[in-house]
């Protein structure tokens, strides 16, 4: 996945592209309304990017204390932006690091 636009276009498909990283898979499933599947991809890895997505997912769920725990593990704080804006920010970052 080389661009954000390609990633957005892939959301129309029944299944995610095979070349997606664990983090992008989580974001892909989240965008397709499958929070549980998204969570399963980031509930285990110990890298800061997975922690950030894990935090975002718990923020989306409304479990802010759990979200704050994961933001801290990702060395971040809960942002003051919308969930959609955060999803976009994380997705663009994950695409940039996967190129």
C-alpha atoms as a PDB file:
ATOM      1  CA  UNK A   1       0.000   0.000   0.000  1.00  0.00           C
ATOM      2  CA  UNK A   2       1.713   3.122  -1.209  1.00  0.00           C
ATOM      3  CA  UNK A   3      -0.854   5.885  -0.724  1.00  0.00           C
ATOM      4  CA  UNK A   4      -3.649   6.874   1.608  1.00  0.00           C
ATOM      5  CA  UNK A   5      -5.994   7.042  -1.382  1.00  0.00           C
ATOM      6  CA  UNK A   6      -5.175   3.431  -2.322  1.00  0.00           C
ATOM      7  CA  UNK A   7      -5.900   2.407   1.254  1.00  0.00           C
ATOM      8  CA  UNK A   8      -9.262   4.205   1.210  1.00  0.00           C
ATOM      9  CA  UNK A   9     -10.110   2.558  -2.107  1.00  0.00           C
ATOM     10  CA  UNK A  10      -9.312  -0.873  -0.630  1.00  0.00           C
ATOM     11  CA  UNK A  11     -12.031  -0.347   1.986  1.00  0.00           C
ATOM     12  CA  UNK A  12     -14.612  -1.097  -0.722  1.00  0.00           C
ATOM     13  CA  UNK A  13     -13.345  -4.673  -1.003  1.00  0.00           C
ATOM     14  CA  UNK A  14     -14.673  -7.676   0.920  1.00  0.00           C
ATOM     15  CA  UNK A  15     -11.219  -8.490   2.277  1.00  0.00           C
ATOM     16  CA  UNK A  16      -8.131  -6.399   2.990  1.00  0.00           C
ATOM     17  CA  UNK A  17      -5.132  -6.359   0.666  1.00  0.00           C
ATOM     18  CA  UNK A  18      -2.640  -9.112   1.479  1.00  0.00           C
ATOM     19  CA  UNK A  19       0.334  -6.765   1.809  1.00  0.00           C
ATOM     20  CA  UNK A  20      -1.029  -4.759   4.757  1.00  0.00           C
ATOM     21  CA  UNK A  21       0.937  -4.586   7.988  1.00  0.00           C
ATOM     22  CA  UNK A  22      -0.665  -5.703  11.236  1.00  0.00           C
ATOM     23  CA  UNK A  23      -1.361  -2.069  12.100  1.00  0.00           C
ATOM     24  CA  UNK A  24      -2.971  -1.292   8.737  1.00  0.00           C
ATOM     25  CA  UNK A  25      -5.062  -4.455   9.006  1.00  0.00           C
ATOM     26  CA  UNK A  26      -6.403  -3.206  12.327  1.00  0.00           C
ATOM     27  CA  UNK A  27      -7.257   0.165  10.792  1.00  0.00           C
ATOM     28  CA  UNK A  28      -8.803  -1.498   7.730  1.00  0.00           C
ATOM     29  CA  UNK A  29     -11.101  -3.662   9.866  1.00  0.00           C
ATOM     30  CA  UNK A  30     -11.995  -0.718  12.087  1.00  0.00           C
ATOM     31  CA  UNK A  31     -12.978   1.354   9.044  1.00  0.00           C
ATOM     32  CA  UNK A  32     -15.129  -1.548   7.892  1.00  0.00           C
ATOM     33  CA  UNK A  33     -17.021  -1.660  11.180  1.00  0.00           C
ATOM     34  CA  UNK A  34     -15.324  -4.676  12.727  1.00  0.00           C
ATOM     35  CA  UNK A  35     -13.972  -3.295  16.016  1.00  0.00           C
ATOM     36  CA  UNK A  36     -13.370  -6.763  17.479  1.00  0.00           C
ATOM     37  CA  UNK A  37     -11.255  -7.907  14.537  1.00  0.00           C
ATOM     38  CA  UNK A  38      -9.365  -4.597  14.558  1.00  0.00           C
ATOM     39  CA  UNK A  39      -8.694  -4.982  18.268  1.00  0.00           C
ATOM     40  CA  UNK A  40      -7.436  -8.536  17.808  1.00  0.00           C
ATOM     41  CA  UNK A  41      -4.606  -7.268  15.585  1.00  0.00           C
ATOM     42  CA  UNK A  42      -3.257  -4.778  18.136  1.00  0.00           C
ATOM     43  CA  UNK A  43      -3.966  -6.684  21.349  1.00  0.00           C
ATOM     44  CA  UNK A  44      -0.646  -8.447  21.687  1.00  0.00           C
ATOM     45  CA  UNK A  45       2.054  -6.645  19.728  1.00  0.00           C
ATOM     46  CA  UNK A  46       4.312  -4.515  21.909  1.00  0.00           C
ATOM     47  CA  UNK A  47       5.359  -1.793  19.476  1.00  0.00           C
ATOM     48  CA  UNK A  48       4.319   1.853  19.997  1.00  0.00           C
ATOM     49  CA  UNK A  49       2.311   1.968  16.748  1.00  0.00           C
ATOM     50  CA  UNK A  50       0.123  -0.939  17.842  1.00  0.00           C
ATOM     51  CA  UNK A  51      -0.289   0.680  21.255  1.00  0.00           C
ATOM     52  CA  UNK A  52      -1.423   3.904  19.555  1.00  0.00           C
ATOM     53  CA  UNK A  53      -4.061   2.061  17.503  1.00  0.00           C
ATOM     54  CA  UNK A  54      -5.079   0.090  20.590  1.00  0.00           C
ATOM     55  CA  UNK A  55      -5.582   3.403  22.423  1.00  0.00           C
ATOM     56  CA  UNK A  56      -7.606   4.843  19.544  1.00  0.00           C
ATOM     57  CA  UNK A  57      -9.856   1.764  19.492  1.00  0.00           C
ATOM     58  CA  UNK A  58     -10.579   2.001  23.212  1.00  0.00           C
ATOM     59  CA  UNK A  59     -11.224   5.733  22.841  1.00  0.00           C
ATOM     60  CA  UNK A  60     -13.688   4.905  20.071  1.00  0.00           C
ATOM     61  CA  UNK A  61     -15.279   2.288  22.314  1.00  0.00           C
ATOM     62  CA  UNK A  62     -15.708   4.940  25.007  1.00  0.00           C
ATOM     63  CA  UNK A  63     -13.389   3.243  27.518  1.00  0.00           C
ATOM     64  CA  UNK A  64     -11.280   6.333  28.166  1.00  0.00           C
ATOM     65  CA  UNK A  65      -9.320   5.011  31.143  1.00  0.00           C
ATOM     66  CA  UNK A  66      -8.211   2.004  29.089  1.00  0.00           C
ATOM     67  CA  UNK A  67      -7.500   4.300  26.121  1.00  0.00           C
ATOM     68  CA  UNK A  68      -5.336   6.535  28.319  1.00  0.00           C
ATOM     69  CA  UNK A  69      -3.376   3.502  29.502  1.00  0.00           C
ATOM     70  CA  UNK A  70      -2.572   2.576  25.887  1.00  0.00           C
ATOM     71  CA  UNK A  71      -1.808   6.164  24.877  1.00  0.00           C
ATOM     72  CA  UNK A  72       0.730   6.259  27.695  1.00  0.00           C
ATOM     73  CA  UNK A  73       2.288   2.997  26.480  1.00  0.00           C
ATOM     74  CA  UNK A  74       2.504   4.580  23.002  1.00  0.00           C
ATOM     75  CA  UNK A  75       4.159   7.653  24.559  1.00  0.00           C
ATOM     76  CA  UNK A  76       1.206   9.810  23.523  1.00  0.00           C
ATOM     77  CA  UNK A  77      -1.687  11.542  25.207  1.00  0.00           C
ATOM     78  CA  UNK A  78      -5.341  11.391  24.249  1.00  0.00           C
ATOM     79  CA  UNK A  79      -5.774  13.850  21.385  1.00  0.00           C
ATOM     80  CA  UNK A  80      -8.306  16.644  21.277  1.00  0.00           C
ATOM     81  CA  UNK A  81      -9.384  15.786  17.749  1.00  0.00           C
ATOM     82  CA  UNK A  82     -12.286  13.751  16.414  1.00  0.00           C
ATOM     83  CA  UNK A  83     -12.049   9.988  16.071  1.00  0.00           C
ATOM     84  CA  UNK A  84     -12.184  10.360  12.279  1.00  0.00           C
ATOM     85  CA  UNK A  85      -9.290  12.804  12.352  1.00  0.00           C
ATOM     86  CA  UNK A  86      -7.272  10.508  14.573  1.00  0.00           C
ATOM     87  CA  UNK A  87      -7.993   7.497  12.332  1.00  0.00           C
ATOM     88  CA  UNK A  88      -6.778   9.502   9.329  1.00  0.00           C
ATOM     89  CA  UNK A  89      -3.665  10.676  11.169  1.00  0.00           C
ATOM     90  CA  UNK A  90      -2.748   7.154  12.316  1.00  0.00           C
ATOM     91  CA  UNK A  91      -3.491   5.604   8.915  1.00  0.00           C
ATOM     92  CA  UNK A  92      -1.344   8.109   7.044  1.00  0.00           C
ATOM     93  CA  UNK A  93       1.489   7.550   9.522  1.00  0.00           C
ATOM     94  CA  UNK A  94       1.257   3.743   9.201  1.00  0.00           C
ATOM     95  CA  UNK A  95       1.287   3.985   5.399  1.00  0.00           C
ATOM     96  CA  UNK A  96       4.312   6.296   5.512  1.00  0.00           C
ATOM     97  CA  UNK A  97       6.306   3.898   7.679  1.00  0.00           C
ATOM     98  CA  UNK A  98       5.340   0.865   5.590  1.00  0.00           C
ATOM     99  CA  UNK A  99       6.714   2.238   2.323  1.00  0.00           C
END
